[in-house]
């Protein structure tokens, strides 16, 4: 005489499919927010960058990947301009341009997730 027990979970495939759709929707919302605000931040940084030759201003880049926005100042002397040196006062242009956008990014992300 043998004993047997079977446990069947139904609806798992449907649940996984729904979760994948939610994740895709979140990624799309984040990407739309970053697309919208990223160029505004880039313009703000470039507008605030001190200009002698224009190299610093012209070498701020924007890259966007899924769920990620990266702004980079590629001029090798960017850090010295931003934070200063013992011979030169700081001329903040990078982080001080990003900071005012943080509440707006938070608001836009929050609103994009409202159902």
Protein backbone atom coordinates (compact mmCIF):
# COMPACT_ATOMS: atom_id res chain seq x y z
CA UNK A 1 0.00 0.00 0.00
CA UNK A 2 1.44 3.41 -0.94
CA UNK A 3 0.58 6.96 0.03
CA UNK A 4 0.71 9.94 -2.25
CA UNK A 5 0.25 13.70 -1.92
CA UNK A 6 0.12 16.18 -4.78
CA UNK A 7 0.23 19.93 -4.43
CA UNK A 8 -0.59 22.03 -7.45
CA UNK A 9 -0.13 25.78 -7.63
CA UNK A 10 -2.35 27.34 -10.24
CA UNK A 11 -1.99 30.78 -11.73
CA UNK A 12 1.78 31.03 -11.25
CA UNK A 13 2.43 31.67 -14.94
CA UNK A 14 -0.21 34.40 -15.01
CA UNK A 15 1.22 36.01 -11.88
CA UNK A 16 4.73 35.99 -13.34
CA UNK A 17 3.40 37.55 -16.54
CA UNK A 18 1.63 40.30 -14.58
CA UNK A 19 4.77 41.03 -12.55
CA UNK A 20 6.84 41.28 -15.73
CA UNK A 21 4.32 43.76 -17.17
CA UNK A 22 4.49 45.87 -14.00
CA UNK A 23 8.31 45.90 -14.14
CA UNK A 24 8.24 46.90 -17.82
CA UNK A 25 5.77 49.68 -17.00
CA UNK A 26 7.98 50.96 -14.17
CA UNK A 27 11.03 50.95 -16.47
CA UNK A 28 9.08 52.86 -19.13
CA UNK A 29 7.90 55.45 -16.60
CA UNK A 30 11.40 55.96 -15.21
CA UNK A 31 12.85 56.25 -18.71
CA UNK A 32 10.23 58.82 -19.72
CA UNK A 33 10.97 60.90 -16.64
CA UNK A 34 14.72 60.71 -17.24
CA UNK A 35 14.23 61.56 -20.93
CA UNK A 36 12.17 64.61 -20.02
CA UNK A 37 14.33 65.96 -17.23
CA UNK A 38 17.77 64.80 -18.41
CA UNK A 39 18.09 67.36 -21.18
CA UNK A 40 16.86 70.12 -18.87
CA UNK A 41 19.58 69.27 -16.36
CA UNK A 42 22.21 69.09 -19.10
CA UNK A 43 21.20 72.55 -20.33
CA UNK A 44 21.32 73.93 -16.79
CA UNK A 45 24.83 72.55 -16.23
CA UNK A 46 26.07 73.90 -19.55
CA UNK A 47 24.52 77.30 -18.87
CA UNK A 48 26.22 77.53 -15.47
CA UNK A 49 29.64 76.22 -16.58
CA UNK A 50 32.30 78.92 -16.55
CA UNK A 51 33.44 79.65 -20.09
CA UNK A 52 36.94 80.58 -21.12
CA UNK A 53 37.35 78.36 -24.17
CA UNK A 54 34.00 76.52 -24.02
CA UNK A 55 35.68 73.14 -23.55
CA UNK A 56 34.21 72.58 -20.09
CA UNK A 57 30.70 73.53 -21.22
CA UNK A 58 30.90 71.48 -24.42
CA UNK A 59 32.14 68.32 -22.70
CA UNK A 60 29.23 67.66 -20.37
CA UNK A 61 27.47 64.53 -21.58
CA UNK A 62 24.19 62.80 -20.93
CA UNK A 63 23.70 59.03 -21.15
CA UNK A 64 20.50 57.20 -20.46
CA UNK A 65 20.03 53.49 -19.99
CA UNK A 66 17.08 51.61 -18.57
CA UNK A 67 16.48 53.04 -15.12
CA UNK A 68 19.64 55.13 -15.14
CA UNK A 69 20.56 58.69 -16.05
CA UNK A 70 24.25 59.63 -16.10
CA UNK A 71 25.59 63.15 -16.48
CA UNK A 72 29.35 63.46 -16.83
CA UNK A 73 31.70 66.40 -17.09
CA UNK A 74 34.53 64.97 -19.17
CA UNK A 75 36.93 67.91 -18.98
CA UNK A 76 39.90 66.67 -16.93
CA UNK A 77 39.90 69.85 -14.84
CA UNK A 78 36.16 69.75 -13.99
CA UNK A 79 36.73 68.75 -10.38
CA UNK A 80 39.06 71.70 -9.80
CA UNK A 81 36.54 74.16 -11.21
CA UNK A 82 33.67 72.59 -9.22
CA UNK A 83 35.45 72.37 -5.86
CA UNK A 84 38.32 74.82 -6.24
CA UNK A 85 41.94 74.46 -5.22
CA UNK A 86 44.09 76.18 -2.65
CA UNK A 87 44.84 78.80 -5.33
CA UNK A 88 41.38 79.08 -6.87
CA UNK A 89 37.91 79.50 -5.38
CA UNK A 90 35.26 76.96 -6.38
CA UNK A 91 33.04 77.85 -9.30
CA UNK A 92 30.32 75.26 -8.74
CA UNK A 93 28.49 74.45 -11.95
CA UNK A 94 27.78 70.72 -11.90
CA UNK A 95 26.19 69.51 -8.65
CA UNK A 96 24.62 72.87 -7.91
CA UNK A 97 22.80 72.61 -11.25
CA UNK A 98 21.52 69.11 -10.53
CA UNK A 99 20.29 69.70 -7.00
CA UNK A 100 17.29 71.94 -7.87
CA UNK A 101 15.92 69.18 -10.13
CA UNK A 102 15.79 66.49 -7.42
CA UNK A 103 12.34 67.49 -6.07
CA UNK A 104 10.98 67.64 -9.62
CA UNK A 105 12.38 64.20 -10.47
CA UNK A 106 10.87 62.80 -7.27
CA UNK A 107 7.50 64.41 -8.05
CA UNK A 108 7.50 63.17 -11.64
CA UNK A 109 8.43 59.61 -10.64
CA UNK A 110 5.81 59.58 -7.89
CA UNK A 111 3.12 60.85 -10.27
CA UNK A 112 4.08 58.35 -12.95
CA UNK A 113 3.42 55.46 -10.54
CA UNK A 114 -0.02 56.65 -9.47
CA UNK A 115 -2.73 54.29 -10.65
